[in-house]
Amino acid sequence: MNRAFVREGDGDDAPPERTLSAHPNFVTPRGLAQLESQLRQLERERSGARASGERARLAEVERDLRYYAARRASAQLVPTQLQPVQLRFGSLARVRMPDGAERSFRIVGEDEAEPAAGLISHASPLARALLGRAVGDRVALGEGELELLALEA
């Protein structure tokens, strides 16, 4: 077998790059602060990994730094509306689910999304179905429908 086609262990086990979303990088003020905080934390981690000679950790941190630096550079801060009439980015929505349960969630950027905490990405199917809707509007959800009960900034 020709040795030209055999990968030798060259020590370059760089982690794969993180995929950047194709969606606009809308952020709330909180989301922008989180991106900046993450960058500062990664800078500290990079210094620590360099000092300790941890090559694998350094490669991971540098990969994450590239990702968050790109996300920060593409961030588009969206100002919040004081009294939204329609569901917009950054708004808090209270909805009635098809089973009658009421839930609240805020529409946020992809990096800020945390569904268990009620923070839903603007790129999610649920957010896309509700964006631009007003109180009282109903949206099909599965075999039922979701009703928009209230909006807050």
Protein backbone atom coordinates (compact mmCIF):
# COMPACT_ATOMS: atom_id res chain seq x y z
CA MET A 1 0.00 0.00 0.00
CA ASN A 2 1.29 3.44 -0.86
CA ARG A 3 2.19 5.33 2.33
CA ALA A 4 0.98 8.60 0.76
CA PHE A 5 -2.59 7.59 1.49
CA VAL A 6 -2.14 6.55 5.11
CA ARG A 7 -2.74 9.15 7.78
CA GLU A 8 0.02 9.18 10.30
CA GLY A 9 -0.64 10.38 13.83
CA ASP A 10 0.59 13.93 13.36
CA GLY A 11 -0.87 15.21 16.60
CA ASP A 12 -3.32 17.41 14.71
CA ASP A 13 -6.58 16.17 16.15
CA ALA A 14 -8.35 19.51 15.84
CA PRO A 15 -12.03 19.43 16.79
CA PRO A 16 -14.50 20.02 13.95
CA GLU A 17 -15.62 23.61 13.44
CA ARG A 18 -18.94 24.68 14.95
CA THR A 19 -21.57 25.31 12.32
CA LEU A 20 -22.78 28.88 11.92
CA SER A 21 -26.51 29.30 11.40
CA ALA A 22 -27.85 30.56 8.10
CA HIS A 23 -30.50 32.61 9.96
CA PRO A 24 -29.94 36.29 10.79
CA ASN A 25 -28.14 36.60 14.12
CA PHE A 26 -30.74 38.68 15.98
CA VAL A 27 -29.92 39.23 19.65
CA THR A 28 -31.60 40.78 22.65
CA PRO A 29 -29.52 43.02 24.96
CA ARG A 30 -29.22 40.00 27.28
CA GLY A 31 -28.12 37.78 24.37
CA LEU A 32 -25.46 40.28 23.31
CA ALA A 33 -24.14 40.43 26.87
CA GLN A 34 -24.02 36.63 26.95
CA LEU A 35 -21.98 36.52 23.72
CA GLU A 36 -19.51 39.06 25.09
CA SER A 37 -19.25 37.21 28.40
CA GLN A 38 -18.62 33.93 26.57
CA LEU A 39 -15.82 35.54 24.56
CA ARG A 40 -14.16 36.88 27.74
CA GLN A 41 -14.43 33.46 29.39
CA LEU A 42 -12.91 31.72 26.37
CA GLU A 43 -10.02 34.22 26.31
CA ARG A 44 -9.27 33.29 29.94
CA GLU A 45 -9.52 29.58 29.10
CA ARG A 46 -7.16 30.03 26.15
CA SER A 47 -4.57 31.67 28.39
CA GLY A 48 -4.87 28.81 30.87
CA ALA A 49 -4.61 26.13 28.19
CA ARG A 50 -1.54 27.83 26.68
CA ALA A 51 0.12 28.13 30.08
CA SER A 52 -0.49 24.48 30.91
CA GLY A 53 0.43 23.22 27.45
CA GLU A 54 -2.93 21.45 26.96
CA ARG A 55 -2.94 21.26 23.15
CA ALA A 56 -6.27 19.46 22.80
CA ARG A 57 -8.01 21.89 25.14
CA LEU A 58 -6.37 24.85 23.41
CA ALA A 59 -7.67 23.61 20.04
CA GLU A 60 -11.22 23.32 21.44
CA VAL A 61 -11.08 26.79 23.00
CA GLU A 62 -9.72 28.37 19.83
CA ARG A 63 -12.46 26.69 17.79
CA ASP A 64 -15.09 28.08 20.19
CA LEU A 65 -13.45 31.51 20.08
CA ARG A 66 -13.75 31.53 16.28
CA TYR A 67 -17.43 30.58 16.56
CA TYR A 68 -18.34 33.18 19.20
CA ALA A 69 -16.26 35.91 17.54
CA ALA A 70 -18.18 35.27 14.30
CA ARG A 71 -21.50 35.29 16.20
CA ARG A 72 -20.54 38.56 17.93
CA ALA A 73 -19.47 40.13 14.63
CA SER A 74 -22.76 39.18 12.96
CA ALA A 75 -24.99 40.05 15.95
CA GLN A 76 -27.87 42.39 15.15
CA LEU A 77 -29.21 43.99 18.33
CA VAL A 78 -33.00 44.24 18.13
CA PRO A 79 -34.53 46.93 20.34
CA THR A 80 -37.49 45.82 22.41
CA GLN A 81 -40.91 47.37 21.92
CA LEU A 82 -42.37 48.86 25.08
CA GLN A 83 -45.94 47.75 24.40
CA PRO A 84 -45.97 45.26 21.56
CA VAL A 85 -49.19 44.96 19.57
CA GLN A 86 -47.87 41.99 17.63
CA LEU A 87 -45.48 39.27 18.75
CA ARG A 88 -41.98 40.45 17.84
CA PHE A 89 -38.43 39.39 18.54
CA GLY A 90 -37.72 39.89 22.24
CA SER A 91 -41.40 39.85 23.26
CA LEU A 92 -42.83 37.64 25.97
CA ALA A 93 -45.89 35.69 24.88
CA ARG A 94 -48.46 33.93 27.03
CA VAL A 95 -50.29 31.23 25.11
CA ARG A 96 -52.96 28.60 25.68
CA MET A 97 -51.77 25.24 24.43
CA PRO A 98 -54.10 22.76 22.67
CA ASP A 99 -54.48 20.86 25.98
CA GLY A 100 -55.67 24.05 27.73
CA ALA A 101 -52.45 24.65 29.67
CA GLU A 102 -51.04 28.18 29.66
CA ARG A 103 -47.35 28.74 28.97
CA SER A 104 -45.13 31.77 28.58
CA PHE A 105 -42.03 32.17 26.50
CA ARG A 106 -39.80 34.90 25.09
CA ILE A 107 -38.61 34.99 21.46
CA VAL A 108 -34.81 35.32 21.50
CA GLY A 109 -31.71 34.69 19.39
CA GLU A 110 -30.40 31.23 18.65
CA ASP A 111 -27.46 31.44 21.05
CA GLU A 112 -29.70 32.66 23.87
CA ALA A 113 -32.45 30.04 23.36
CA GLU A 114 -33.14 27.74 26.27
CA PRO A 115 -36.58 26.15 25.85
CA ALA A 116 -36.70 24.73 29.40
CA ALA A 117 -36.35 28.32 30.69
CA GLY A 118 -39.00 29.66 28.31
CA LEU A 119 -36.52 31.18 25.84
CA ILE A 120 -37.45 30.15 22.28
CA SER A 121 -35.28 30.81 19.21
CA HIS A 122 -36.76 33.11 16.60
CA ALA A 123 -35.79 30.45 14.04
CA SER A 124 -37.88 27.72 15.71
CA PRO A 125 -41.06 26.55 13.98
CA LEU A 126 -43.19 27.71 16.93
CA ALA A 127 -41.72 31.22 16.89
CA ARG A 128 -41.99 31.49 13.12
CA ALA A 129 -45.68 30.51 13.33
CA LEU A 130 -46.39 33.14 16.00
CA LEU A 131 -44.23 36.10 14.96
CA GLY A 132 -46.42 38.99 13.81
CA ARG A 133 -49.53 37.60 15.51
CA ALA A 134 -51.69 39.65 17.91
CA VAL A 135 -53.50 38.80 21.13
CA GLY A 136 -56.50 36.60 20.35
CA ASP A 137 -54.94 35.08 17.23
CA ARG A 138 -54.95 31.31 16.93
CA VAL A 139 -52.32 29.20 15.20
CA ALA A 140 -52.55 25.54 14.20
CA LEU A 141 -50.32 23.34 16.32
CA GLY A 142 -50.37 19.63 15.60
CA GLU A 143 -54.00 18.55 15.65
CA GLY A 144 -55.06 21.48 17.81
CA GLU A 145 -54.42 25.18 17.98
CA LEU A 146 -52.50 27.58 20.10
CA GLU A 147 -54.09 30.86 21.23
CA LEU A 148 -52.05 33.99 21.90
CA LEU A 149 -53.37 35.33 25.22
CA ALA A 150 -51.02 38.20 26.12
CA LEU A 151 -47.88 40.05 25.03
CA GLU A 152 -45.26 41.87 27.06
CA ALA A 153 -42.04 43.68 26.20
